[in-house]
C-alpha cells in the first residue's frame, strides 16, 4: 500500500536552511539603513515569510517607520519607493542568503526518510528566483534538492494565499491537498498551508520566531531558551498549525502520526 502522505512542501529560511532565519533580517536592515531609515530586528521579523515586495510594503506601513521615512525623505513612501527598495534588496538578499545557506541539522536525513517512504518533496519561498540562485546548488551539495521550487513573484499572489503551494502540487501531480503537509517557521506560511487545505507543521526553534542561529541558541540559558521556543510555538499554534516541533529533525514521527490520521479518513484543521 502507498504511504498516506503524498507530499511535503517545505519553506526555506528558518525551516530547511539558515537556522534562526538570519539572512532576511540582515538584508532588510542593510536596505533600510542605506535608505536613511534604520529598522530594528523585531520590525524586520514582524512580517517574515511574505514575498519580499510585500514584506517591504508592510515595513513601510508600520507607523514608526512611516514617520521616520517621511522625516527623512519629505514625503510618505510610494509604490515607486517600494519598487526601488525591492530592486535594491535582491543583491543584498542573494549575498546574505548564500552566507546563511547551511542546512538545519537533521534536514537532509529527514528528507531522505520521506523519500524512502515515497513522499514527494517540493518547496515554496518568499525569496525571488534570483535570491535563490546561489542557495539551490549549495543546498544540493548538502543533500537537499526538492523536486520543485516555487519562488515569490511566480504566482499572482504570495503568502498567505495558497497559490504557491497549489502550484507546487500541480507541478508534482499530487492530490488531494488533504494528503499533503506544509512545513514552515512563520505564521504566514502556516496560513498558506491551511488555505491550501493541507496539514500544517510549524517549526518553533529553528525559525523566525526565536531568531538565534544554532550555536547561539544552544548557548542560551535553558530557561530563556525554553521561553523563546514556547512563545514561537504559541504563535504558530495561534496561526492554526496542526502540529508544532522544534525543527525538521523532529518531523518524521509527526508525519507518521498524520499518515495514520489520513488513513482513518481524518482531514487537516479539525
Protein backbone atom coordinates (compact mmCIF):
# COMPACT_ATOMS: atom_id res chain seq x y z
CA UNK A 1 0.00 0.00 0.00
CA UNK A 2 1.22 3.52 -0.74
CA UNK A 3 2.08 5.82 2.14
CA UNK A 4 -0.93 8.05 3.03
CA UNK A 5 1.11 11.28 2.98
CA UNK A 6 1.65 12.17 -0.68
CA UNK A 7 3.85 15.27 -0.49
CA UNK A 8 5.59 17.65 1.89
CA UNK A 9 6.10 21.28 0.89
CA UNK A 10 8.89 22.93 2.85
CA UNK A 11 9.68 26.57 3.42
CA UNK A 12 13.36 27.54 3.14
CA UNK A 13 14.92 30.05 5.57
CA UNK A 14 14.34 29.05 9.18
CA UNK A 15 12.88 25.72 8.13
CA UNK A 16 15.38 23.87 5.93
CA UNK A 17 18.31 26.32 5.81
CA UNK A 18 19.52 29.33 7.79
CA UNK A 19 18.79 28.25 11.37
CA UNK A 20 17.33 31.36 13.02
CA UNK A 21 16.24 32.92 9.72
CA UNK A 22 19.08 35.46 9.84
CA UNK A 23 19.62 36.31 6.17
CA UNK A 24 16.40 38.29 5.52
CA UNK A 25 16.91 40.33 8.69
CA UNK A 26 20.47 41.29 7.75
CA UNK A 27 19.44 42.21 4.21
CA UNK A 28 16.41 44.27 5.23
CA UNK A 29 18.28 46.16 7.94
CA UNK A 30 21.05 46.99 5.46
CA UNK A 31 18.47 48.01 2.83
CA UNK A 32 16.68 50.47 5.09
CA UNK A 33 19.90 51.81 6.59
CA UNK A 34 21.12 52.58 3.08
CA UNK A 35 17.84 54.46 2.54
CA UNK A 36 18.42 56.53 5.68
CA UNK A 37 15.85 54.82 7.90
CA UNK A 38 17.07 52.31 10.48
CA UNK A 39 14.77 49.42 11.37
CA UNK A 40 15.03 47.06 14.32
CA UNK A 41 15.40 43.31 14.12
CA UNK A 42 11.92 42.92 15.62
CA UNK A 43 10.47 45.15 12.91
CA UNK A 44 12.28 43.21 10.20
CA UNK A 45 10.89 39.94 11.56
CA UNK A 46 7.27 41.04 12.01
CA UNK A 47 6.08 40.05 8.52
CA UNK A 48 8.67 37.37 7.78
CA UNK A 49 7.63 34.76 5.23
CA UNK A 50 5.86 37.13 2.88
CA UNK A 51 7.18 37.83 -0.60
CA UNK A 52 9.92 40.41 -0.23
CA UNK A 53 7.96 43.10 -2.09
CA UNK A 54 5.01 42.58 0.27
CA UNK A 55 7.40 42.49 3.22
CA UNK A 56 8.94 45.84 2.25
CA UNK A 57 5.48 47.32 1.76
CA UNK A 58 4.43 46.10 5.22
CA UNK A 59 7.55 47.61 6.81
CA UNK A 60 6.90 50.99 5.19
CA UNK A 61 3.34 50.89 6.53
CA UNK A 62 4.46 50.49 10.16
CA UNK A 63 3.67 53.80 11.88
CA UNK A 64 7.15 54.37 13.32
CA UNK A 65 8.89 53.51 10.06
CA UNK A 66 6.37 55.52 8.04
CA UNK A 67 7.05 58.57 10.23
CA UNK A 68 10.82 58.07 10.00
CA UNK A 69 10.61 57.72 6.22
CA UNK A 70 8.57 60.92 5.92
CA UNK A 71 11.01 62.79 8.14
CA UNK A 72 13.99 61.57 6.11
CA UNK A 73 12.54 61.86 2.60
CA UNK A 74 9.96 64.63 2.99
CA UNK A 75 7.01 62.53 1.80
CA UNK A 76 5.25 59.26 2.53
CA UNK A 77 6.69 56.18 0.88
CA UNK A 78 5.18 55.48 -2.52
CA UNK A 79 4.90 52.39 -4.71
CA UNK A 80 7.86 53.77 -6.65
CA UNK A 81 9.83 53.62 -3.39
CA UNK A 82 8.68 50.03 -2.90
CA UNK A 83 9.93 49.21 -6.41
CA UNK A 84 13.32 50.83 -5.80
CA UNK A 85 13.77 49.10 -2.45
CA UNK A 86 12.78 45.75 -3.90
CA UNK A 87 15.28 46.15 -6.71
CA UNK A 88 17.96 47.07 -4.18
CA UNK A 89 17.22 44.24 -1.76
CA UNK A 90 17.73 41.43 -4.30
CA UNK A 91 21.56 41.57 -4.37
CA UNK A 92 21.63 42.10 -0.59
CA UNK A 93 19.39 39.07 -0.08
CA UNK A 94 21.38 36.97 -2.50
CA UNK A 95 24.62 37.68 -0.66
CA UNK A 96 23.13 37.19 2.82
CA UNK A 97 21.24 34.06 1.83
CA UNK A 98 24.33 32.45 0.33
CA UNK A 99 26.22 33.16 3.56
CA UNK A 100 23.41 31.54 5.60
CA UNK A 101 22.69 28.54 3.35
CA UNK A 102 23.71 25.82 5.79
CA UNK A 103 21.05 23.15 6.24
CA UNK A 104 19.26 22.94 9.57
CA UNK A 105 20.76 19.95 11.42
CA UNK A 106 18.81 16.81 10.54
CA UNK A 107 17.19 18.30 7.42
CA UNK A 108 18.92 16.06 4.87
CA UNK A 109 18.24 12.93 6.92
CA UNK A 110 14.57 13.85 7.30
CA UNK A 111 14.17 14.39 3.57
CA UNK A 112 15.78 11.05 2.82
CA UNK A 113 13.38 9.33 5.23
CA UNK A 114 10.44 10.95 3.45
CA UNK A 115 11.76 9.89 0.04
CA UNK A 116 12.23 6.34 1.28
CA UNK A 117 8.52 6.33 2.15
CA UNK A 118 7.61 7.56 -1.34
CA UNK A 119 6.71 11.09 -0.23
CA UNK A 120 7.23 13.79 -2.88
CA UNK A 121 9.21 16.90 -1.88
CA UNK A 122 8.75 20.49 -3.06
CA UNK A 123 9.14 23.96 -1.60
CA UNK A 124 7.72 27.46 -1.61
CA UNK A 125 9.53 30.59 -0.50
CA UNK A 126 9.24 34.34 -0.06
CA UNK A 127 12.57 34.64 -1.90
CA UNK A 128 12.61 35.51 -5.60
CA UNK A 129 14.25 33.19 -8.12
CA UNK A 130 17.30 35.48 -8.23
CA UNK A 131 17.62 35.32 -4.43
CA UNK A 132 17.54 31.51 -4.64
CA UNK A 133 20.18 31.26 -7.38
CA UNK A 134 23.09 30.53 -5.04
CA UNK A 135 21.06 28.70 -2.40
CA UNK A 136 19.81 25.87 -4.61
CA UNK A 137 23.22 24.43 -5.58
CA UNK A 138 24.56 24.93 -2.05
CA UNK A 139 21.60 23.05 -0.58
CA UNK A 140 22.01 20.28 -3.17
CA UNK A 141 25.64 19.86 -2.18
CA UNK A 142 24.43 19.26 1.40
CA UNK A 143 21.86 16.66 0.37
CA UNK A 144 18.68 18.68 -0.15
CA UNK A 145 17.27 19.18 -3.65
CA UNK A 146 13.46 19.42 -3.75
CA UNK A 147 11.74 18.26 -6.92
CA UNK A 148 10.12 21.63 -7.50
CA UNK A 149 10.64 25.15 -6.08
CA UNK A 150 8.09 27.96 -6.24
CA UNK A 151 9.53 31.44 -5.66
CA UNK A 152 7.98 34.80 -4.84
CA UNK A 153 6.59 36.50 -7.92
CA UNK A 154 5.85 33.24 -9.74
CA UNK A 155 2.18 33.24 -8.73
CA UNK A 156 -0.38 36.05 -8.82
CA UNK A 157 -0.21 36.38 -5.03
CA UNK A 158 2.17 35.21 -2.34
CA UNK A 159 1.53 34.04 1.18
CA UNK A 160 -0.85 33.79 2.93
CA UNK A 161 -2.59 32.83 -0.31
CA UNK A 162 -2.34 29.13 -1.19
CA UNK A 163 -1.27 29.75 -4.78
CA UNK A 164 2.42 28.88 -4.40
CA UNK A 165 1.59 25.66 -2.61
CA UNK A 166 -1.07 24.75 -5.15
CA UNK A 167 1.40 25.44 -7.96
CA UNK A 168 3.88 23.08 -6.33
CA UNK A 169 1.26 20.33 -6.01
CA UNK A 170 0.17 20.81 -9.63
CA UNK A 171 3.76 20.50 -10.82
CA UNK A 172 4.25 17.37 -8.71
CA UNK A 173 0.96 15.96 -9.99
CA UNK A 174 -0.11 15.24 -6.41
CA UNK A 175 -3.57 15.40 -4.89
CA UNK A 176 -5.63 15.73 -2.74
CA UNK A 177 -4.10 18.59 -0.77
CA UNK A 178 -5.53 16.96 2.37
CA UNK A 179 -2.93 14.20 1.87
CA UNK A 180 -0.11 16.76 1.85
CA UNK A 181 1.80 18.70 4.51
CA UNK A 182 3.18 22.24 4.66
CA UNK A 183 6.17 22.78 6.98
CA UNK A 184 7.05 26.38 7.85
CA UNK A 185 8.58 28.53 10.60
CA UNK A 186 6.34 31.60 10.07
CA UNK A 187 2.63 32.09 10.83
CA UNK A 188 2.04 33.38 7.29
CA UNK A 189 3.41 30.08 5.94
CA UNK A 190 1.09 28.12 8.23
CA UNK A 191 -1.77 30.24 6.87
CA UNK A 192 -0.65 29.31 3.34
CA UNK A 193 -0.90 25.62 4.17
CA UNK A 194 -4.28 25.96 5.84
CA UNK A 195 -5.68 27.92 2.89
CA UNK A 196 -4.38 25.18 0.59
CA UNK A 197 -6.31 22.57 2.57
CA UNK A 198 -3.20 20.74 3.78
CA UNK A 199 -1.86 19.60 7.12
CA UNK A 200 0.47 22.17 8.67
CA UNK A 201 3.52 21.69 10.88
CA UNK A 202 5.28 24.67 12.46
CA UNK A 203 8.95 24.64 13.40
CA UNK A 204 9.42 26.72 16.51
CA UNK A 205 13.10 26.65 17.50
CA UNK A 206 14.89 26.95 14.16
CA UNK A 207 12.94 29.80 12.68
CA UNK A 208 11.98 33.43 12.73
CA UNK A 209 10.06 33.21 15.99
CA UNK A 210 13.25 32.67 18.02
CA UNK A 211 15.80 34.18 15.66
CA UNK A 212 19.03 32.70 17.03
CA UNK A 213 21.38 30.59 14.96
CA UNK A 214 22.01 27.03 16.10
CA UNK A 215 25.13 27.72 18.17
CA UNK A 216 23.75 30.88 19.77
CA UNK A 217 20.53 29.13 20.75
CA UNK A 218 22.43 26.30 22.40
CA UNK A 219 24.45 28.80 24.45
CA UNK A 220 21.36 30.45 25.94
CA UNK A 221 20.32 29.76 29.49
CA UNK A 222 17.93 26.79 29.37
CA UNK A 223 15.04 28.71 30.90
CA UNK A 224 15.43 31.58 28.44
CA UNK A 225 15.72 29.16 25.52
CA UNK A 226 12.55 27.37 26.61
CA UNK A 227 10.72 30.68 27.00
CA UNK A 228 11.61 31.81 23.47
CA UNK A 229 10.75 28.47 21.86
CA UNK A 230 7.43 28.30 23.73
CA UNK A 231 6.47 31.81 22.56
CA UNK A 232 7.35 30.86 18.98
CA UNK A 233 5.32 27.65 19.24
CA UNK A 234 2.34 29.56 20.65
CA UNK A 235 2.40 31.94 17.67
CA UNK A 236 2.45 29.03 15.23
CA UNK A 237 -0.43 27.31 17.01
CA UNK A 238 -2.37 30.58 17.01
CA UNK A 239 -1.88 30.68 13.23
CA UNK A 240 -3.54 27.27 13.07
CA UNK A 241 -0.66 24.80 12.91
CA UNK A 242 -1.87 21.22 13.32
CA UNK A 243 1.44 20.32 14.98
CA UNK A 244 4.49 22.23 16.22
CA UNK A 245 8.00 20.78 16.52
CA UNK A 246 11.38 22.32 17.33
CA UNK A 247 12.96 21.69 13.91
CA UNK A 248 12.70 19.45 10.87
CA UNK A 249 14.95 16.96 12.67
CA UNK A 250 11.79 16.10 14.67
CA UNK A 251 9.49 15.81 11.65
CA UNK A 252 9.25 12.11 10.82
CA UNK A 253 7.27 10.92 13.89
CA UNK A 254 4.68 13.65 13.24
CA UNK A 255 4.45 12.64 9.57
CA UNK A 256 3.73 9.08 10.72
CA UNK A 257 1.01 10.38 13.05
CA UNK A 258 -0.58 12.40 10.24
CA UNK A 259 -0.36 9.39 7.92
CA UNK A 260 -2.29 7.32 10.45
CA UNK A 261 -4.95 10.03 10.74
CA UNK A 262 -5.29 10.28 6.96
CA UNK A 263 -5.68 6.51 6.77
CA UNK A 264 -8.69 6.74 9.09
CA UNK A 265 -10.31 9.46 6.98
CA UNK A 266 -9.37 12.48 9.08
CA UNK A 267 -8.73 15.82 7.44
CA UNK A 268 -6.46 18.72 8.49
CA UNK A 269 -7.52 21.61 10.68
CA UNK A 270 -10.02 19.61 12.69
